[in-house]
Amino acid sequence: MMDERALSRLRWHSRRGMWELDMMLMPFFDNRFTQLDGASQQDYERLIAFEDQDLFGWLMRREPVADPSLQSIANQIIEYARYRDEVNVRPV
């Protein structure tokens, strides 16, 4: 389990230079990260160490994740964003 300082640091690193990434990573981190098992938390930390352009391509499903062992966490982020968007869509 991570201490508050480590969580704060990781949250800060989840903020990106691209709005699209922020809209996927920040809600996932804020709402799901602490529920992940230790291995998935480590995968998340490894994933966000990549450059924004790489993350954008992977999380927008334009290309496969460079490290196949990170595909699972990428899929969890994508699914969470999709679920969140479906729940927040309101009929006009």
PDB file of N, CA and C in Angstrom:
ATOM      1  N   MET A   1       0.843  -1.183   0.000  1.00  0.00           N
ATOM      2  CA  MET A   1       0.000   0.000   0.000  1.00  0.00           C
ATOM      3  C   MET A   1       0.886   1.244   0.000  1.00  0.00           C
ATOM      4  N   MET A   2       0.498   2.227  -0.788  1.00  0.00           N
ATOM      5  CA  MET A   2       1.270   3.459  -0.908  1.00  0.00           C
ATOM      6  C   MET A   2       0.882   4.430   0.199  1.00  0.00           C
ATOM      7  N   ASP A   3       1.872   5.191   0.649  1.00  0.00           N
ATOM      8  CA  ASP A   3       1.567   6.230   1.614  1.00  0.00           C
ATOM      9  C   ASP A   3       1.039   7.471   0.885  1.00  0.00           C
ATOM     10  N   GLU A   4       0.553   8.432   1.637  1.00  0.00           N
ATOM     11  CA  GLU A   4      -0.061   9.630   1.053  1.00  0.00           C
ATOM     12  C   GLU A   4       0.907  10.412   0.176  1.00  0.00           C
ATOM     13  N   ARG A   5       2.147  10.464   0.584  1.00  0.00           N
ATOM     14  CA  ARG A   5       3.146  11.200  -0.203  1.00  0.00           C
ATOM     15  C   ARG A   5       3.349  10.547  -1.575  1.00  0.00           C
ATOM     16  N   ALA A   6       3.450   9.231  -1.603  1.00  0.00           N
ATOM     17  CA  ALA A   6       3.615   8.507  -2.867  1.00  0.00           C
ATOM     18  C   ALA A   6       2.372   8.668  -3.744  1.00  0.00           C
ATOM     19  N   LEU A   7       1.190   8.620  -3.134  1.00  0.00           N
ATOM     20  CA  LEU A   7      -0.046   8.819  -3.894  1.00  0.00           C
ATOM     21  C   LEU A   7      -0.112  10.226  -4.480  1.00  0.00           C
ATOM     22  N   SER A   8       0.282  11.217  -3.706  1.00  0.00           N
ATOM     23  CA  SER A   8       0.287  12.604  -4.198  1.00  0.00           C
ATOM     24  C   SER A   8       1.247  12.761  -5.369  1.00  0.00           C
ATOM     25  N   ARG A   9       2.413  12.147  -5.261  1.00  0.00           N
ATOM     26  CA  ARG A   9       3.400  12.224  -6.328  1.00  0.00           C
ATOM     27  C   ARG A   9       2.859  11.558  -7.595  1.00  0.00           C
ATOM     28  N   LEU A  10       2.245  10.402  -7.428  1.00  0.00           N
ATOM     29  CA  LEU A  10       1.709   9.680  -8.571  1.00  0.00           C
ATOM     30  C   LEU A  10       0.532  10.433  -9.191  1.00  0.00           C
ATOM     31  N   ARG A  11      -0.282  11.046  -8.361  1.00  0.00           N
ATOM     32  CA  ARG A  11      -1.392  11.852  -8.888  1.00  0.00           C
ATOM     33  C   ARG A  11      -0.848  13.008  -9.712  1.00  0.00           C
ATOM     34  N   TRP A  12       0.206  13.650  -9.208  1.00  0.00           N
ATOM     35  CA  TRP A  12       0.820  14.754  -9.941  1.00  0.00           C
ATOM     36  C   TRP A  12       1.339  14.265 -11.296  1.00  0.00           C
ATOM     37  N   HIS A  13       1.956  13.107 -11.341  1.00  0.00           N
ATOM     38  CA  HIS A  13       2.482  12.564 -12.590  1.00  0.00           C
ATOM     39  C   HIS A  13       1.367  12.090 -13.527  1.00  0.00           C
ATOM     40  N   SER A  14       0.176  11.906 -13.000  1.00  0.00           N
ATOM     41  CA  SER A  14      -0.958  11.529 -13.846  1.00  0.00           C
ATOM     42  C   SER A  14      -1.466  12.725 -14.644  1.00  0.00           C
ATOM     43  N   ARG A  15      -1.153  13.923 -14.193  1.00  0.00           N
ATOM     44  CA  ARG A  15      -1.532  15.125 -14.946  1.00  0.00           C
ATOM     45  C   ARG A  15      -0.601  15.234 -16.137  1.00  0.00           C
ATOM     46  N   ARG A  16      -1.185  15.434 -17.292  1.00  0.00           N
ATOM     47  CA  ARG A  16      -0.407  15.434 -18.522  1.00  0.00           C
ATOM     48  C   ARG A  16      -0.524  16.774 -19.238  1.00  0.00           C
ATOM     49  N   GLY A  17       0.207  16.888 -20.329  1.00  0.00           N
ATOM     50  CA  GLY A  17       0.151  18.095 -21.136  1.00  0.00           C
ATOM     51  C   GLY A  17      -0.967  18.082 -22.155  1.00  0.00           C
ATOM     52  N   MET A  18      -1.687  16.981 -22.234  1.00  0.00           N
ATOM     53  CA  MET A  18      -2.773  16.851 -23.206  1.00  0.00           C
ATOM     54  C   MET A  18      -4.104  16.702 -22.462  1.00  0.00           C
ATOM     55  N   TRP A  19      -5.046  17.522 -22.846  1.00  0.00           N
ATOM     56  CA  TRP A  19      -6.359  17.518 -22.208  1.00  0.00           C
ATOM     57  C   TRP A  19      -7.004  16.140 -22.291  1.00  0.00           C
ATOM     58  N   GLU A  20      -6.892  15.475 -23.445  1.00  0.00           N
ATOM     59  CA  GLU A  20      -7.517  14.167 -23.629  1.00  0.00           C
ATOM     60  C   GLU A  20      -6.974  13.146 -22.629  1.00  0.00           C
ATOM     61  N   LEU A  21      -5.680  13.206 -22.381  1.00  0.00           N
ATOM     62  CA  LEU A  21      -5.084  12.286 -21.411  1.00  0.00           C
ATOM     63  C   LEU A  21      -5.526  12.623 -19.994  1.00  0.00           C
ATOM     64  N   ASP A  22      -5.568  13.911 -19.676  1.00  0.00           N
ATOM     65  CA  ASP A  22      -6.043  14.315 -18.351  1.00  0.00           C
ATOM     66  C   ASP A  22      -7.461  13.813 -18.104  1.00  0.00           C
ATOM     67  N   MET A  23      -8.296  13.864 -19.140  1.00  0.00           N
ATOM     68  CA  MET A  23      -9.685  13.448 -18.998  1.00  0.00           C
ATOM     69  C   MET A  23      -9.822  11.939 -18.806  1.00  0.00           C
ATOM     70  N   MET A  24      -8.801  11.194 -19.149  1.00  0.00           N
ATOM     71  CA  MET A  24      -8.823   9.747 -18.933  1.00  0.00           C
ATOM     72  C   MET A  24      -8.080   9.358 -17.660  1.00  0.00           C
ATOM     73  N   LEU A  25      -6.898   9.911 -17.477  1.00  0.00           N
ATOM     74  CA  LEU A  25      -6.040   9.474 -16.379  1.00  0.00           C
ATOM     75  C   LEU A  25      -6.478  10.006 -15.014  1.00  0.00           C
ATOM     76  N   MET A  26      -6.836  11.270 -14.938  1.00  0.00           N
ATOM     77  CA  MET A  26      -7.160  11.842 -13.631  1.00  0.00           C
ATOM     78  C   MET A  26      -8.393  11.194 -12.996  1.00  0.00           C
ATOM     79  N   PRO A  27      -9.511  11.049 -13.711  1.00  0.00           N
ATOM     80  CA  PRO A  27     -10.658  10.374 -13.089  1.00  0.00           C
ATOM     81  C   PRO A  27     -10.347   8.923 -12.714  1.00  0.00           C
ATOM     82  N   PHE A  28      -9.597   8.232 -13.568  1.00  0.00           N
ATOM     83  CA  PHE A  28      -9.224   6.856 -13.251  1.00  0.00           C
ATOM     84  C   PHE A  28      -8.393   6.828 -11.978  1.00  0.00           C
ATOM     85  N   PHE A  29      -7.398   7.684 -11.906  1.00  0.00           N
ATOM     86  CA  PHE A  29      -6.550   7.701 -10.716  1.00  0.00           C
ATOM     87  C   PHE A  29      -7.376   8.046  -9.476  1.00  0.00           C
ATOM     88  N   ASP A  30      -8.176   9.099  -9.558  1.00  0.00           N
ATOM     89  CA  ASP A  30      -8.937   9.554  -8.397  1.00  0.00           C
ATOM     90  C   ASP A  30      -9.975   8.544  -7.917  1.00  0.00           C
ATOM     91  N   ASN A  31     -10.539   7.771  -8.828  1.00  0.00           N
ATOM     92  CA  ASN A  31     -11.655   6.898  -8.469  1.00  0.00           C
ATOM     93  C   ASN A  31     -11.346   5.409  -8.446  1.00  0.00           C
ATOM     94  N   ARG A  32     -10.258   4.988  -9.073  1.00  0.00           N
ATOM     95  CA  ARG A  32     -10.001   3.563  -9.179  1.00  0.00           C
ATOM     96  C   ARG A  32      -8.632   3.119  -8.675  1.00  0.00           C
ATOM     97  N   PHE A  33      -7.657   4.006  -8.673  1.00  0.00           N
ATOM     98  CA  PHE A  33      -6.288   3.576  -8.402  1.00  0.00           C
ATOM     99  C   PHE A  33      -6.155   2.821  -7.089  1.00  0.00           C
ATOM    100  N   THR A  34      -6.718   3.336  -6.010  1.00  0.00           N
ATOM    101  CA  THR A  34      -6.539   2.687  -4.708  1.00  0.00           C
ATOM    102  C   THR A  34      -7.255   1.339  -4.627  1.00  0.00           C
ATOM    103  N   GLN A  35      -8.156   1.057  -5.556  1.00  0.00           N
ATOM    104  CA  GLN A  35      -8.849  -0.228  -5.586  1.00  0.00           C
ATOM    105  C   GLN A  35      -8.070  -1.295  -6.353  1.00  0.00           C
ATOM    106  N   LEU A  36      -7.030  -0.876  -7.081  1.00  0.00           N
ATOM    107  CA  LEU A  36      -6.223  -1.822  -7.851  1.00  0.00           C
ATOM    108  C   LEU A  36      -5.341  -2.653  -6.931  1.00  0.00           C
ATOM    109  N   ASP A  37      -5.014  -3.865  -7.363  1.00  0.00           N
ATOM    110  CA  ASP A  37      -4.041  -4.649  -6.602  1.00  0.00           C
ATOM    111  C   ASP A  37      -2.648  -4.054  -6.822  1.00  0.00           C
ATOM    112  N   GLY A  38      -1.693  -4.493  -6.034  1.00  0.00           N
ATOM    113  CA  GLY A  38      -0.349  -3.937  -6.070  1.00  0.00           C
ATOM    114  C   GLY A  38       0.314  -4.031  -7.436  1.00  0.00           C
ATOM    115  N   ALA A  39       0.141  -5.155  -8.122  1.00  0.00           N
ATOM    116  CA  ALA A  39       0.747  -5.326  -9.450  1.00  0.00           C
ATOM    117  C   ALA A  39       0.157  -4.343 -10.452  1.00  0.00           C
ATOM    118  N   SER A  40      -1.150  -4.126 -10.396  1.00  0.00           N
ATOM    119  CA  SER A  40      -1.796  -3.189 -11.310  1.00  0.00           C
ATOM    120  C   SER A  40      -1.391  -1.753 -10.992  1.00  0.00           C
ATOM    121  N   GLN A  41      -1.217  -1.442  -9.718  1.00  0.00           N
ATOM    122  CA  GLN A  41      -0.725  -0.112  -9.354  1.00  0.00           C
ATOM    123  C   GLN A  41       0.667   0.120  -9.925  1.00  0.00           C
ATOM    124  N   GLN A  42       1.518  -0.892  -9.842  1.00  0.00           N
ATOM    125  CA  GLN A  42       2.861  -0.771 -10.418  1.00  0.00           C
ATOM    126  C   GLN A  42       2.789  -0.629 -11.937  1.00  0.00           C
ATOM    127  N   ASP A  43       1.889  -1.355 -12.570  1.00  0.00           N
ATOM    128  CA  ASP A  43       1.720  -1.220 -14.020  1.00  0.00           C
ATOM    129  C   ASP A  43       1.272   0.193 -14.382  1.00  0.00           C
ATOM    130  N   TYR A  44       0.362   0.755 -13.607  1.00  0.00           N
ATOM    131  CA  TYR A  44      -0.092   2.128 -13.854  1.00  0.00           C
ATOM    132  C   TYR A  44       1.088   3.089 -13.761  1.00  0.00           C
ATOM    133  N   GLU A  45       1.875   2.932 -12.736  1.00  0.00           N
ATOM    134  CA  GLU A  45       3.044   3.800 -12.555  1.00  0.00           C
ATOM    135  C   GLU A  45       4.015   3.660 -13.726  1.00  0.00           C
ATOM    136  N   ARG A  46       4.225   2.451 -14.194  1.00  0.00           N
ATOM    137  CA  ARG A  46       5.098   2.229 -15.354  1.00  0.00           C
ATOM    138  C   ARG A  46       4.495   2.835 -16.614  1.00  0.00           C
ATOM    139  N   LEU A  47       3.182   2.697 -16.761  1.00  0.00           N
ATOM    140  CA  LEU A  47       2.515   3.217 -17.956  1.00  0.00           C
ATOM    141  C   LEU A  47       2.661   4.728 -18.057  1.00  0.00           C
ATOM    142  N   ILE A  48       2.412   5.436 -16.960  1.00  0.00           N
ATOM    143  CA  ILE A  48       2.439   6.894 -17.053  1.00  0.00           C
ATOM    144  C   ILE A  48       3.852   7.469 -17.137  1.00  0.00           C
ATOM    145  N   ALA A  49       4.854   6.616 -17.070  1.00  0.00           N
ATOM    146  CA  ALA A  49       6.224   7.080 -17.267  1.00  0.00           C
ATOM    147  C   ALA A  49       6.518   7.326 -18.750  1.00  0.00           C
ATOM    148  N   PHE A  50       5.649   6.826 -19.627  1.00  0.00           N
ATOM    149  CA  PHE A  50       5.843   7.032 -21.059  1.00  0.00           C
ATOM    150  C   PHE A  50       5.449   8.453 -21.459  1.00  0.00           C
ATOM    151  N   GLU A  51       5.888   8.846 -22.632  1.00  0.00           N
ATOM    152  CA  GLU A  51       5.591  10.175 -23.174  1.00  0.00           C
ATOM    153  C   GLU A  51       4.108  10.305 -23.531  1.00  0.00           C
ATOM    154  N   ASP A  52       3.626  11.538 -23.520  1.00  0.00           N
ATOM    155  CA  ASP A  52       2.223  11.807 -23.831  1.00  0.00           C
ATOM    156  C   ASP A  52       1.812  11.256 -25.193  1.00  0.00           C
ATOM    157  N   GLN A  53       2.643  11.435 -26.197  1.00  0.00           N
ATOM    158  CA  GLN A  53       2.272  10.971 -27.534  1.00  0.00           C
ATOM    159  C   GLN A  53       2.075   9.458 -27.569  1.00  0.00           C
ATOM    160  N   ASP A  54       2.918   8.733 -26.833  1.00  0.00           N
ATOM    161  CA  ASP A  54       2.749   7.281 -26.755  1.00  0.00           C
ATOM    162  C   ASP A  54       1.444   6.937 -26.048  1.00  0.00           C
ATOM    163  N   LEU A  55       1.223   7.554 -24.895  1.00  0.00           N
ATOM    164  CA  LEU A  55      -0.007   7.290 -24.137  1.00  0.00           C
ATOM    165  C   LEU A  55      -1.242   7.612 -24.964  1.00  0.00           C
ATOM    166  N   PHE A  56      -1.202   8.732 -25.668  1.00  0.00           N
ATOM    167  CA  PHE A  56      -2.340   9.125 -26.490  1.00  0.00           C
ATOM    168  C   PHE A  56      -2.661   8.043 -27.521  1.00  0.00           C
ATOM    169  N   GLY A  57      -1.657   7.572 -28.221  1.00  0.00           N
ATOM    170  CA  GLY A  57      -1.878   6.530 -29.224  1.00  0.00           C
ATOM    171  C   GLY A  57      -2.441   5.260 -28.628  1.00  0.00           C
ATOM    172  N   TRP A  58      -1.945   4.886 -27.462  1.00  0.00           N
ATOM    173  CA  TRP A  58      -2.407   3.652 -26.824  1.00  0.00           C
ATOM    174  C   TRP A  58      -3.811   3.787 -26.250  1.00  0.00           C
ATOM    175  N   LEU A  59      -4.061   4.891 -25.532  1.00  0.00           N
ATOM    176  CA  LEU A  59      -5.351   5.049 -24.863  1.00  0.00           C
ATOM    177  C   LEU A  59      -6.469   5.417 -25.828  1.00  0.00           C
ATOM    178  N   MET A  60      -6.113   5.932 -27.008  1.00  0.00           N
ATOM    179  CA  MET A  60      -7.109   6.197 -28.046  1.00  0.00           C
ATOM    180  C   MET A  60      -7.243   4.996 -28.980  1.00  0.00           C
ATOM    181  N   ARG A  61      -6.525   3.925 -28.642  1.00  0.00           N
ATOM    182  CA  ARG A  61      -6.533   2.669 -29.397  1.00  0.00           C
ATOM    183  C   ARG A  61      -6.107   2.849 -30.852  1.00  0.00           C
ATOM    184  N   ARG A  62      -5.178   3.754 -31.054  1.00  0.00           N
ATOM    185  CA  ARG A  62      -4.637   3.958 -32.400  1.00  0.00           C
ATOM    186  C   ARG A  62      -3.475   3.010 -32.675  1.00  0.00           C
ATOM    187  N   GLU A  63      -2.865   2.507 -31.612  1.00  0.00           N
ATOM    188  CA  GLU A  63      -1.771   1.559 -31.743  1.00  0.00           C
ATOM    189  C   GLU A  63      -1.683   0.722 -30.477  1.00  0.00           C
ATOM    190  N   PRO A  64      -1.090  -0.463 -30.580  1.00  0.00           N
ATOM    191  CA  PRO A  64      -0.971  -1.312 -29.382  1.00  0.00           C
ATOM    192  C   PRO A  64       0.071  -0.754 -28.416  1.00  0.00           C
ATOM    193  N   VAL A  65      -0.116  -1.052 -27.155  1.00  0.00           N
ATOM    194  CA  VAL A  65       0.830  -0.627 -26.125  1.00  0.00           C
ATOM    195  C   VAL A  65       2.183  -1.271 -26.416  1.00  0.00           C
ATOM    196  N   ALA A  66       3.248  -0.481 -26.318  1.00  0.00           N
ATOM    197  CA  ALA A  66       4.597  -0.957 -26.648  1.00  0.00           C
ATOM    198  C   ALA A  66       5.008  -2.151 -25.785  1.00  0.00           C
ATOM    199  N   ASP A  67       4.636  -2.114 -24.518  1.00  0.00           N
ATOM    200  CA  ASP A  67       4.952  -3.212 -23.598  1.00  0.00           C
ATOM    201  C   ASP A  67       3.654  -3.987 -23.354  1.00  0.00           C
ATOM    202  N   PRO A  68       3.525  -5.177 -23.927  1.00  0.00           N
ATOM    203  CA  PRO A  68       2.275  -5.945 -23.797  1.00  0.00           C
ATOM    204  C   PRO A  68       1.829  -6.175 -22.354  1.00  0.00           C
ATOM    205  N   SER A  69       2.769  -6.166 -21.411  1.00  0.00           N
ATOM    206  CA  SER A  69       2.380  -6.378 -20.016  1.00  0.00           C
ATOM    207  C   SER A  69       1.591  -5.187 -19.458  1.00  0.00           C
ATOM    208  N   LEU A  70       1.584  -4.065 -20.179  1.00  0.00           N
ATOM    209  CA  LEU A  70       0.837  -2.890 -19.734  1.00  0.00           C
ATOM    210  C   LEU A  70      -0.517  -2.763 -20.423  1.00  0.00           C
ATOM    211  N   GLN A  71      -0.824  -3.693 -21.322  1.00  0.00           N
ATOM    212  CA  GLN A  71      -2.091  -3.615 -22.046  1.00  0.00           C
ATOM    213  C   GLN A  71      -3.286  -3.716 -21.106  1.00  0.00           C
ATOM    214  N   SER A  72      -3.187  -4.539 -20.079  1.00  0.00           N
ATOM    215  CA  SER A  72      -4.304  -4.714 -19.149  1.00  0.00           C
ATOM    216  C   SER A  72      -4.652  -3.408 -18.438  1.00  0.00           C
ATOM    217  N   ILE A  73      -3.665  -2.701 -17.929  1.00  0.00           N
ATOM    218  CA  ILE A  73      -3.961  -1.442 -17.223  1.00  0.00           C
ATOM    219  C   ILE A  73      -4.462  -0.394 -18.208  1.00  0.00           C
ATOM    220  N   ALA A  74      -3.915  -0.388 -19.418  1.00  0.00           N
ATOM    221  CA  ALA A  74      -4.410   0.543 -20.439  1.00  0.00           C
ATOM    222  C   ALA A  74      -5.879   0.252 -20.730  1.00  0.00           C
ATOM    223  N   ASN A  75      -6.231  -1.020 -20.853  1.00  0.00           N
ATOM    224  CA  ASN A  75      -7.625  -1.398 -21.101  1.00  0.00           C
ATOM    225  C   ASN A  75      -8.532  -0.971 -19.945  1.00  0.00           C
ATOM    226  N   GLN A  76      -8.051  -1.091 -18.723  1.00  0.00           N
ATOM    227  CA  GLN A  76      -8.851  -0.669 -17.570  1.00  0.00           C
ATOM    228  C   GLN A  76      -9.117   0.830 -17.605  1.00  0.00           C
ATOM    229  N   ILE A  77      -8.129   1.609 -17.986  1.00  0.00           N
ATOM    230  CA  ILE A  77      -8.292   3.065 -18.088  1.00  0.00           C
ATOM    231  C   ILE A  77      -9.293   3.397 -19.187  1.00  0.00           C
ATOM    232  N   ILE A  78      -9.156   2.754 -20.334  1.00  0.00           N
ATOM    233  CA  ILE A  78     -10.060   2.986 -21.458  1.00  0.00           C
ATOM    234  C   ILE A  78     -11.494   2.617 -21.078  1.00  0.00           C
ATOM    235  N   GLU A  79     -11.666   1.463 -20.466  1.00  0.00           N
ATOM    236  CA  GLU A  79     -13.008   1.016 -20.081  1.00  0.00           C
ATOM    237  C   GLU A  79     -13.631   1.930 -19.027  1.00  0.00           C
ATOM    238  N   TYR A  80     -12.821   2.393 -18.094  1.00  0.00           N
ATOM    239  CA  TYR A  80     -13.346   3.300 -17.081  1.00  0.00           C
ATOM    240  C   TYR A  80     -13.816   4.604 -17.727  1.00  0.00           C
ATOM    241  N   ALA A  81     -13.033   5.129 -18.656  1.00  0.00           N
ATOM    242  CA  ALA A  81     -13.414   6.368 -19.340  1.00  0.00           C
ATOM    243  C   ALA A  81     -14.692   6.160 -20.139  1.00  0.00           C
ATOM    244  N   ARG A  82     -14.793   5.032 -20.813  1.00  0.00           N
ATOM    245  CA  ARG A  82     -15.999   4.740 -21.600  1.00  0.00           C
ATOM    246  C   ARG A  82     -17.220   4.601 -20.687  1.00  0.00           C
ATOM    247  N   TYR A  83     -17.059   3.876 -19.598  1.00  0.00           N
ATOM    248  CA  TYR A  83     -18.155   3.706 -18.643  1.00  0.00           C
ATOM    249  C   TYR A  83     -18.586   5.060 -18.082  1.00  0.00           C
ATOM    250  N   ARG A  84     -17.620   5.863 -17.681  1.00  0.00           N
ATOM    251  CA  ARG A  84     -17.896   7.180 -17.107  1.00  0.00           C
ATOM    252  C   ARG A  84     -18.660   8.046 -18.109  1.00  0.00           C
ATOM    253  N   ASP A  85     -18.237   7.997 -19.367  1.00  0.00           N
ATOM    254  CA  ASP A  85     -18.912   8.792 -20.399  1.00  0.00           C
ATOM    255  C   ASP A  85     -20.335   8.304 -20.638  1.00  0.00           C
ATOM    256  N   GLU A  86     -20.540   6.991 -20.622  1.00  0.00           N
ATOM    257  CA  GLU A  86     -21.888   6.440 -20.829  1.00  0.00           C
ATOM    258  C   GLU A  86     -22.817   6.828 -19.687  1.00  0.00           C
ATOM    259  N   VAL A  87     -22.306   6.807 -18.478  1.00  0.00           N
ATOM    260  CA  VAL A  87     -23.123   7.148 -17.314  1.00  0.00           C
ATOM    261  C   VAL A  87     -23.474   8.648 -17.321  1.00  0.00           C
ATOM    262  N   ASN A  88     -22.559   9.459 -17.813  1.00  0.00           N
ATOM    263  CA  ASN A  88     -22.762  10.907 -17.778  1.00  0.00           C
ATOM    264  C   ASN A  88     -23.504  11.463 -18.981  1.00  0.00           C
ATOM    265  N   VAL A  89     -23.824  10.624 -19.964  1.00  0.00           N
ATOM    266  CA  VAL A  89     -24.577  11.084 -21.110  1.00  0.00           C
ATOM    267  C   VAL A  89     -26.041  11.211 -20.700  1.00  0.00           C
ATOM    268  N   ARG A  90     -26.584  12.376 -20.976  1.00  0.00           N
ATOM    269  CA  ARG A  90     -27.990  12.622 -20.617  1.00  0.00           C
ATOM    270  C   ARG A  90     -28.804  12.861 -21.873  1.00  0.00           C
ATOM    271  N   PRO A  91     -29.950  12.265 -21.970  1.00  0.00           N
ATOM    272  CA  PRO A  91     -30.778  12.501 -23.150  1.00  0.00           C
ATOM    273  C   PRO A  91     -31.232  13.957 -23.215  1.00  0.00           C
ATOM    274  N   VAL A  92     -31.348  14.430 -24.431  1.00  0.00           N
ATOM    275  CA  VAL A  92     -31.758  15.836 -24.637  1.00  0.00           C
ATOM    276  C   VAL A  92     -33.251  15.934 -24.652  1.00  0.00           C
TER     277      VAL A  92
END
